[in-house]
């Protein structure tokens, strides 16, 4: 009986330890949010290249890139930013802990990106002339968040 009780306690302790360890594994969330930012960067690169004259303007490609930015802006952010997934707690991220201290502001900045994405979506079909001003707007939303919530690159 004591042997079975000891086994049960050990098994429970191992199970709890594994559950706690699993809670600290944010690799899926980290990959998701980094993937989201890569998608944004690729599509902003397409639009920026057109706006700067580094690539020919293509209305279909501009609209597709802008539509993608709007779609990304609509992704619910909460599940991708669990507490403890900051650069002080895990490797592989530049997210600063203040994201969770000022989460309303962080999410507001994400909302600003969505608003700017909709503006670029509206401008994309209108020709290259309309891209420049909205590129500045969307870039400003990225900068506002990065300046506050993203650690500098090493």
N, C-alpha and C. Protein backbone atom coordinates (compact mmCIF):
# COMPACT_ATOMS: atom_id res chain seq x y z
N UNK A 1 0.82 -1.19 0.00
CA UNK A 1 0.00 0.00 0.00
C UNK A 1 0.87 1.26 0.00
N UNK A 2 1.91 1.27 0.87
CA UNK A 2 2.80 2.43 0.91
C UNK A 2 3.51 2.60 -0.42
N UNK A 3 3.84 1.47 -1.05
CA UNK A 3 4.52 1.52 -2.34
C UNK A 3 3.60 2.16 -3.39
N UNK A 4 2.34 1.78 -3.38
CA UNK A 4 1.38 2.35 -4.34
C UNK A 4 1.15 3.83 -4.07
N UNK A 5 1.09 4.20 -2.79
CA UNK A 5 0.91 5.60 -2.43
C UNK A 5 2.11 6.43 -2.87
N UNK A 6 3.31 5.91 -2.64
CA UNK A 6 4.53 6.61 -3.07
C UNK A 6 4.55 6.75 -4.58
N UNK A 7 4.17 5.72 -5.29
CA UNK A 7 4.12 5.77 -6.75
C UNK A 7 3.11 6.81 -7.21
N UNK A 8 1.95 6.84 -6.58
CA UNK A 8 0.91 7.80 -6.95
C UNK A 8 1.38 9.23 -6.71
N UNK A 9 2.04 9.47 -5.58
CA UNK A 9 2.54 10.81 -5.27
C UNK A 9 3.62 11.20 -6.28
N UNK A 10 4.53 10.28 -6.58
CA UNK A 10 5.59 10.57 -7.55
C UNK A 10 5.00 10.84 -8.93
N UNK A 11 4.04 10.04 -9.34
CA UNK A 11 3.40 10.21 -10.64
C UNK A 11 2.70 11.55 -10.73
N UNK A 12 1.99 11.92 -9.64
CA UNK A 12 1.29 13.20 -9.61
C UNK A 12 2.28 14.35 -9.67
N UNK A 13 3.36 14.25 -8.92
CA UNK A 13 4.38 15.31 -8.93
C UNK A 13 4.99 15.46 -10.32
N UNK A 14 5.28 14.35 -10.96
CA UNK A 14 5.83 14.42 -12.32
C UNK A 14 4.81 15.03 -13.27
N UNK A 15 3.57 14.66 -13.13
CA UNK A 15 2.53 15.20 -13.99
C UNK A 15 2.37 16.70 -13.80
N UNK A 16 2.40 17.16 -12.57
CA UNK A 16 2.28 18.60 -12.30
C UNK A 16 3.49 19.34 -12.82
N UNK A 17 4.64 18.76 -12.66
CA UNK A 17 5.86 19.37 -13.18
C UNK A 17 5.81 19.50 -14.68
N UNK A 18 5.33 18.48 -15.34
CA UNK A 18 5.22 18.52 -16.80
C UNK A 18 4.20 19.56 -17.23
N UNK A 19 3.09 19.66 -16.51
CA UNK A 19 2.07 20.66 -16.85
C UNK A 19 2.63 22.06 -16.67
N UNK A 20 3.38 22.28 -15.59
CA UNK A 20 3.96 23.60 -15.37
C UNK A 20 4.98 23.92 -16.44
N UNK A 21 5.77 22.93 -16.83
CA UNK A 21 6.77 23.15 -17.87
C UNK A 21 6.07 23.46 -19.20
N UNK A 22 4.98 22.78 -19.48
CA UNK A 22 4.26 23.01 -20.73
C UNK A 22 3.70 24.43 -20.78
N UNK A 23 3.30 24.98 -19.63
CA UNK A 23 2.78 26.33 -19.60
C UNK A 23 3.86 27.34 -19.97
N UNK A 24 5.11 27.03 -19.72
CA UNK A 24 6.19 27.95 -20.03
C UNK A 24 6.74 27.77 -21.43
N UNK A 25 6.23 26.82 -22.19
CA UNK A 25 6.68 26.61 -23.55
C UNK A 25 5.81 27.45 -24.48
N UNK A 26 6.34 28.60 -24.85
CA UNK A 26 5.60 29.54 -25.69
C UNK A 26 6.07 29.48 -27.13
N UNK A 27 6.66 28.37 -27.54
CA UNK A 27 7.22 28.31 -28.90
C UNK A 27 6.15 28.49 -29.97
N UNK A 28 4.98 27.95 -29.78
CA UNK A 28 3.92 28.10 -30.79
C UNK A 28 3.47 29.56 -30.89
N UNK A 29 3.29 30.20 -29.74
CA UNK A 29 2.86 31.60 -29.74
C UNK A 29 3.95 32.49 -30.35
N UNK A 30 5.19 32.21 -30.02
CA UNK A 30 6.30 32.99 -30.55
C UNK A 30 6.39 32.85 -32.06
N UNK A 31 6.27 31.61 -32.56
CA UNK A 31 6.30 31.38 -34.01
C UNK A 31 5.13 32.07 -34.69
N UNK A 32 3.97 32.04 -34.07
CA UNK A 32 2.78 32.66 -34.67
C UNK A 32 2.97 34.17 -34.79
N UNK A 33 3.39 34.81 -33.72
CA UNK A 33 3.52 36.27 -33.80
C UNK A 33 4.68 36.68 -34.68
N UNK A 34 5.76 35.92 -34.70
CA UNK A 34 6.87 36.25 -35.59
C UNK A 34 6.47 36.01 -37.05
N UNK A 35 5.68 34.98 -37.29
CA UNK A 35 5.18 34.73 -38.64
C UNK A 35 4.27 35.86 -39.11
N UNK A 36 3.44 36.33 -38.20
CA UNK A 36 2.56 37.47 -38.51
C UNK A 36 3.39 38.68 -38.92
N UNK A 37 4.47 38.95 -38.19
CA UNK A 37 5.31 40.11 -38.51
C UNK A 37 6.07 39.91 -39.82
N UNK A 38 6.43 38.68 -40.14
CA UNK A 38 7.10 38.42 -41.42
C UNK A 38 6.14 38.66 -42.59
N UNK A 39 4.90 38.24 -42.41
CA UNK A 39 3.88 38.48 -43.44
C UNK A 39 3.70 39.98 -43.64
N UNK A 40 3.64 40.71 -42.53
CA UNK A 40 3.51 42.16 -42.62
C UNK A 40 4.70 42.76 -43.35
N UNK A 41 5.91 42.35 -42.99
CA UNK A 41 7.12 42.91 -43.60
C UNK A 41 7.17 42.64 -45.10
N UNK A 42 6.82 41.43 -45.51
CA UNK A 42 6.84 41.10 -46.94
C UNK A 42 5.87 42.00 -47.70
N UNK A 43 4.68 42.14 -47.19
CA UNK A 43 3.67 42.94 -47.90
C UNK A 43 3.94 44.43 -47.83
N UNK A 44 4.49 44.90 -46.72
CA UNK A 44 4.90 46.30 -46.65
C UNK A 44 6.07 46.55 -47.60
N UNK A 45 6.92 45.55 -47.78
CA UNK A 45 8.02 45.67 -48.72
C UNK A 45 7.53 45.80 -50.16
N UNK A 46 6.52 45.06 -50.51
CA UNK A 46 5.93 45.16 -51.85
C UNK A 46 5.37 46.56 -52.07
N UNK A 47 4.57 47.02 -51.13
CA UNK A 47 3.95 48.34 -51.26
C UNK A 47 4.99 49.45 -51.20
N UNK A 48 5.96 49.31 -50.32
CA UNK A 48 7.02 50.32 -50.21
C UNK A 48 7.88 50.36 -51.46
N UNK A 49 8.17 49.20 -52.02
CA UNK A 49 8.95 49.15 -53.26
C UNK A 49 8.24 49.87 -54.39
N UNK A 50 6.93 49.70 -54.46
CA UNK A 50 6.16 50.40 -55.49
C UNK A 50 6.13 51.90 -55.21
N UNK A 51 5.88 52.27 -53.95
CA UNK A 51 5.79 53.69 -53.59
C UNK A 51 7.10 54.42 -53.84
N UNK A 52 8.23 53.74 -53.65
CA UNK A 52 9.55 54.35 -53.84
C UNK A 52 10.06 54.23 -55.28
N UNK A 53 9.29 53.59 -56.15
CA UNK A 53 9.71 53.43 -57.53
C UNK A 53 10.79 52.38 -57.73
N UNK A 54 11.01 51.54 -56.72
CA UNK A 54 12.01 50.48 -56.84
C UNK A 54 11.46 49.27 -57.60
N UNK A 55 10.16 49.24 -57.74
CA UNK A 55 9.51 48.21 -58.55
C UNK A 55 8.31 48.83 -59.24
N UNK A 56 7.96 48.28 -60.37
CA UNK A 56 6.82 48.80 -61.13
C UNK A 56 5.53 48.66 -60.33
N UNK A 57 4.69 49.65 -60.46
CA UNK A 57 3.39 49.58 -59.81
C UNK A 57 2.55 48.54 -60.52
N UNK A 58 1.93 47.69 -59.73
CA UNK A 58 1.03 46.65 -60.23
C UNK A 58 -0.21 46.71 -59.33
N UNK A 59 -1.31 47.17 -59.89
CA UNK A 59 -2.52 47.38 -59.10
C UNK A 59 -2.97 46.10 -58.40
N UNK A 60 -2.90 44.97 -59.09
CA UNK A 60 -3.35 43.71 -58.49
C UNK A 60 -2.43 43.31 -57.32
N UNK A 61 -1.13 43.43 -57.52
CA UNK A 61 -0.19 43.08 -56.46
C UNK A 61 -0.31 44.05 -55.28
N UNK A 62 -0.51 45.33 -55.56
CA UNK A 62 -0.68 46.31 -54.49
C UNK A 62 -1.93 46.01 -53.69
N UNK A 63 -3.01 45.70 -54.39
CA UNK A 63 -4.26 45.40 -53.69
C UNK A 63 -4.13 44.13 -52.87
N UNK A 64 -3.49 43.11 -53.42
CA UNK A 64 -3.31 41.86 -52.67
C UNK A 64 -2.47 42.08 -51.42
N UNK A 65 -1.40 42.87 -51.53
CA UNK A 65 -0.55 43.16 -50.37
C UNK A 65 -1.33 43.94 -49.32
N UNK A 66 -2.09 44.93 -49.75
CA UNK A 66 -2.88 45.73 -48.81
C UNK A 66 -3.97 44.89 -48.16
N UNK A 67 -4.62 44.05 -48.94
CA UNK A 67 -5.65 43.16 -48.39
C UNK A 67 -5.05 42.23 -47.34
N UNK A 68 -3.85 41.76 -47.59
CA UNK A 68 -3.17 40.88 -46.64
C UNK A 68 -2.87 41.62 -45.35
N UNK A 69 -2.43 42.87 -45.44
CA UNK A 69 -2.17 43.65 -44.23
C UNK A 69 -3.43 43.83 -43.40
N UNK A 70 -4.55 44.08 -44.05
CA UNK A 70 -5.81 44.21 -43.33
C UNK A 70 -6.16 42.88 -42.67
N UNK A 71 -5.99 41.79 -43.39
CA UNK A 71 -6.31 40.47 -42.81
C UNK A 71 -5.44 40.19 -41.58
N UNK A 72 -4.16 40.49 -41.67
CA UNK A 72 -3.27 40.27 -40.53
C UNK A 72 -3.69 41.15 -39.35
N UNK A 73 -4.09 42.37 -39.63
CA UNK A 73 -4.48 43.29 -38.55
C UNK A 73 -5.71 42.80 -37.80
N UNK A 74 -6.44 41.89 -38.39
CA UNK A 74 -7.66 41.38 -37.76
C UNK A 74 -7.41 40.13 -36.91
N UNK A 75 -6.19 39.64 -36.89
CA UNK A 75 -5.87 38.46 -36.08
C UNK A 75 -5.94 38.85 -34.60
N UNK A 76 -6.65 38.06 -33.84
CA UNK A 76 -6.76 38.30 -32.40
C UNK A 76 -5.37 38.14 -31.77
N UNK A 77 -4.91 39.17 -31.09
CA UNK A 77 -3.55 39.18 -30.55
C UNK A 77 -3.40 38.48 -29.21
N UNK A 78 -4.42 38.46 -28.40
CA UNK A 78 -4.33 37.92 -27.05
C UNK A 78 -3.65 36.55 -26.95
N UNK A 79 -4.08 35.57 -27.73
CA UNK A 79 -3.48 34.25 -27.60
C UNK A 79 -1.99 34.19 -27.97
N UNK A 80 -1.53 35.15 -28.75
CA UNK A 80 -0.13 35.12 -29.18
C UNK A 80 0.81 35.81 -28.20
N UNK A 81 0.26 36.45 -27.19
CA UNK A 81 1.07 37.23 -26.26
C UNK A 81 0.82 36.80 -24.82
N UNK A 82 1.05 35.52 -24.48
CA UNK A 82 0.84 35.11 -23.10
C UNK A 82 1.87 35.76 -22.17
N UNK A 83 1.44 36.07 -20.97
CA UNK A 83 2.34 36.61 -19.97
C UNK A 83 3.51 35.66 -19.79
N UNK A 84 4.70 36.22 -19.76
CA UNK A 84 5.90 35.41 -19.59
C UNK A 84 6.57 35.05 -20.91
N UNK A 85 6.07 35.61 -22.01
CA UNK A 85 6.69 35.33 -23.31
C UNK A 85 7.48 36.54 -23.81
N UNK A 86 8.09 37.24 -22.87
CA UNK A 86 8.86 38.43 -23.20
C UNK A 86 10.35 38.10 -23.27
N UNK A 87 11.14 39.07 -23.69
CA UNK A 87 12.57 38.86 -23.90
C UNK A 87 13.36 38.64 -22.61
N UNK A 88 12.78 38.95 -21.47
CA UNK A 88 13.46 38.71 -20.20
C UNK A 88 13.19 37.30 -19.70
N UNK A 89 12.13 36.67 -20.22
CA UNK A 89 11.73 35.35 -19.75
C UNK A 89 12.13 34.23 -20.70
N UNK A 90 12.14 34.51 -22.01
CA UNK A 90 12.47 33.48 -22.99
C UNK A 90 13.40 34.04 -24.05
N UNK A 91 14.10 33.16 -24.71
CA UNK A 91 14.98 33.56 -25.81
C UNK A 91 14.19 33.62 -27.11
N UNK A 92 14.70 34.38 -28.05
CA UNK A 92 14.12 34.39 -29.39
C UNK A 92 13.06 35.44 -29.63
N UNK A 93 12.89 36.37 -28.70
CA UNK A 93 11.90 37.42 -28.88
C UNK A 93 12.50 38.76 -28.45
N UNK A 94 11.98 39.80 -29.04
CA UNK A 94 12.37 41.16 -28.65
C UNK A 94 11.22 41.87 -27.94
N UNK A 95 10.16 41.14 -27.66
CA UNK A 95 9.01 41.71 -26.95
C UNK A 95 9.43 42.04 -25.52
N UNK A 96 9.23 43.29 -25.14
CA UNK A 96 9.61 43.72 -23.80
C UNK A 96 8.48 43.44 -22.80
N UNK A 97 8.84 43.25 -21.53
CA UNK A 97 7.83 42.95 -20.51
C UNK A 97 6.76 44.03 -20.35
N UNK A 98 7.06 45.26 -20.74
CA UNK A 98 6.07 46.33 -20.57
C UNK A 98 4.83 46.15 -21.44
N UNK A 99 4.87 45.22 -22.39
CA UNK A 99 3.66 44.91 -23.18
C UNK A 99 2.53 44.51 -22.24
N UNK A 100 2.85 43.72 -21.23
CA UNK A 100 1.83 43.21 -20.33
C UNK A 100 1.49 44.22 -19.24
N UNK A 101 2.40 45.15 -18.96
CA UNK A 101 2.12 46.20 -17.98
C UNK A 101 1.19 47.26 -18.57
N UNK A 102 1.27 47.47 -19.86
CA UNK A 102 0.45 48.48 -20.55
C UNK A 102 -0.27 47.83 -21.73
N UNK A 103 -0.93 46.72 -21.45
CA UNK A 103 -1.53 45.94 -22.53
C UNK A 103 -2.60 46.71 -23.30
N UNK A 104 -3.37 47.56 -22.64
CA UNK A 104 -4.38 48.35 -23.35
C UNK A 104 -3.72 49.25 -24.39
N UNK A 105 -2.61 49.87 -24.02
CA UNK A 105 -1.88 50.74 -24.96
C UNK A 105 -1.30 49.90 -26.10
N UNK A 106 -0.74 48.76 -25.77
CA UNK A 106 -0.19 47.86 -26.79
C UNK A 106 -1.27 47.47 -27.79
N UNK A 107 -2.41 47.05 -27.29
CA UNK A 107 -3.51 46.66 -28.19
C UNK A 107 -4.07 47.85 -28.96
N UNK A 108 -4.03 49.03 -28.36
CA UNK A 108 -4.45 50.24 -29.06
C UNK A 108 -3.53 50.52 -30.24
N UNK A 109 -2.24 50.33 -30.04
CA UNK A 109 -1.28 50.52 -31.13
C UNK A 109 -1.52 49.49 -32.23
N UNK A 110 -1.89 48.27 -31.86
CA UNK A 110 -2.24 47.25 -32.86
C UNK A 110 -3.48 47.71 -33.62
N UNK A 111 -4.44 48.30 -32.93
CA UNK A 111 -5.63 48.84 -33.59
C UNK A 111 -5.28 49.96 -34.56
N UNK A 112 -4.30 50.79 -34.19
CA UNK A 112 -3.84 51.86 -35.08
C UNK A 112 -3.26 51.28 -36.36
N UNK A 113 -2.53 50.17 -36.22
CA UNK A 113 -2.01 49.50 -37.41
C UNK A 113 -3.17 49.05 -38.31
N UNK A 114 -4.20 48.50 -37.72
CA UNK A 114 -5.37 48.06 -38.49
C UNK A 114 -6.04 49.20 -39.24
N UNK A 115 -6.15 50.33 -38.58
CA UNK A 115 -6.73 51.52 -39.22
C UNK A 115 -5.88 51.96 -40.40
N UNK A 116 -4.56 51.98 -40.20
CA UNK A 116 -3.65 52.37 -41.29
C UNK A 116 -3.67 51.33 -42.42
N UNK A 117 -3.82 50.06 -42.07
CA UNK A 117 -3.90 49.02 -43.10
C UNK A 117 -5.13 49.22 -43.97
N UNK A 118 -6.23 49.61 -43.36
CA UNK A 118 -7.45 49.88 -44.13
C UNK A 118 -7.27 51.09 -45.04
N UNK A 119 -6.51 52.09 -44.58
CA UNK A 119 -6.24 53.27 -45.41
C UNK A 119 -5.39 52.89 -46.61
N UNK A 120 -4.41 52.03 -46.40
CA UNK A 120 -3.57 51.62 -47.53
C UNK A 120 -4.34 50.71 -48.47
N UNK A 121 -5.27 49.95 -47.92
CA UNK A 121 -6.12 49.10 -48.75
C UNK A 121 -6.96 49.96 -49.69
N UNK A 122 -7.50 51.05 -49.17
CA UNK A 122 -8.31 51.95 -49.98
C UNK A 122 -7.46 52.66 -51.03
N UNK A 123 -6.22 52.97 -50.69
CA UNK A 123 -5.34 53.71 -51.60
C UNK A 123 -4.67 52.84 -52.65
N UNK A 124 -4.55 51.56 -52.39
CA UNK A 124 -3.75 50.67 -53.25
C UNK A 124 -4.22 50.63 -54.70
N UNK A 125 -5.50 50.64 -54.90
CA UNK A 125 -6.02 50.54 -56.27
C UNK A 125 -5.98 51.87 -57.01
N UNK A 126 -5.73 52.94 -56.29
CA UNK A 126 -5.77 54.27 -56.90
C UNK A 126 -4.51 54.69 -57.62
N UNK A 127 -3.52 53.86 -57.65
CA UNK A 127 -2.28 54.21 -58.33
C UNK A 127 -1.16 54.45 -57.35
N UNK A 128 0.04 54.50 -57.89
CA UNK A 128 1.24 54.63 -57.07
C UNK A 128 1.26 55.95 -56.30
N UNK A 129 0.64 56.99 -56.84
CA UNK A 129 0.66 58.30 -56.20
C UNK A 129 0.01 58.27 -54.82
N UNK A 130 -0.97 57.42 -54.64
CA UNK A 130 -1.67 57.36 -53.36
C UNK A 130 -0.96 56.54 -52.30
N UNK A 131 0.04 55.78 -52.70
CA UNK A 131 0.69 54.89 -51.73
C UNK A 131 1.59 55.63 -50.74
N UNK A 132 2.32 56.62 -51.19
CA UNK A 132 3.32 57.28 -50.35
C UNK A 132 2.79 57.77 -49.01
N UNK A 133 1.74 58.61 -49.03
CA UNK A 133 1.24 59.14 -47.76
C UNK A 133 0.75 58.05 -46.80
N UNK A 134 0.09 57.04 -47.32
CA UNK A 134 -0.41 55.99 -46.41
C UNK A 134 0.71 55.05 -45.96
N UNK A 135 1.78 54.95 -46.76
CA UNK A 135 2.94 54.17 -46.32
C UNK A 135 3.56 54.85 -45.10
N UNK A 136 3.61 56.17 -45.12
CA UNK A 136 4.11 56.91 -43.97
C UNK A 136 3.25 56.69 -42.73
N UNK A 137 1.95 56.65 -42.95
CA UNK A 137 1.01 56.43 -41.84
C UNK A 137 1.20 55.05 -41.24
N UNK A 138 1.25 54.03 -42.09
CA UNK A 138 1.37 52.67 -41.57
C UNK A 138 2.75 52.46 -40.94
N UNK A 139 3.76 53.05 -41.53
CA UNK A 139 5.10 52.97 -40.95
C UNK A 139 5.15 53.62 -39.58
N UNK A 140 4.42 54.70 -39.41
CA UNK A 140 4.36 55.38 -38.13
C UNK A 140 3.72 54.52 -37.05
N UNK A 141 2.74 53.72 -37.43
CA UNK A 141 2.11 52.85 -36.44
C UNK A 141 3.07 51.74 -36.02
N UNK A 142 3.84 51.23 -36.96
CA UNK A 142 4.84 50.21 -36.63
C UNK A 142 5.88 50.80 -35.68
N UNK A 143 6.37 51.99 -36.02
CA UNK A 143 7.40 52.65 -35.22
C UNK A 143 6.90 52.94 -33.80
N UNK A 144 5.68 53.41 -33.68
CA UNK A 144 5.13 53.73 -32.36
C UNK A 144 5.15 52.51 -31.44
N UNK A 145 4.82 51.38 -31.98
CA UNK A 145 4.80 50.16 -31.17
C UNK A 145 6.24 49.69 -30.90
N UNK A 146 7.06 49.68 -31.94
CA UNK A 146 8.45 49.23 -31.77
C UNK A 146 9.22 50.10 -30.80
N UNK A 147 9.03 51.41 -30.86
CA UNK A 147 9.74 52.31 -29.97
C UNK A 147 9.41 52.04 -28.50
N UNK A 148 8.20 51.61 -28.25
CA UNK A 148 7.74 51.41 -26.88
C UNK A 148 7.89 49.98 -26.38
N UNK A 149 7.64 49.01 -27.26
CA UNK A 149 7.47 47.62 -26.80
C UNK A 149 8.45 46.61 -27.39
N UNK A 150 9.36 47.04 -28.23
CA UNK A 150 10.30 46.10 -28.83
C UNK A 150 11.72 46.47 -28.44
N UNK A 151 12.45 45.50 -27.93
CA UNK A 151 13.84 45.72 -27.54
C UNK A 151 14.70 45.93 -28.78
N UNK A 152 15.74 46.74 -28.68
CA UNK A 152 16.64 46.93 -29.83
C UNK A 152 17.33 45.62 -30.19
N UNK A 153 17.71 45.51 -31.45
CA UNK A 153 18.45 44.32 -31.89
C UNK A 153 19.82 44.34 -31.24
N UNK A 154 20.30 43.17 -30.93
CA UNK A 154 21.63 43.09 -30.31
C UNK A 154 22.71 43.37 -31.31
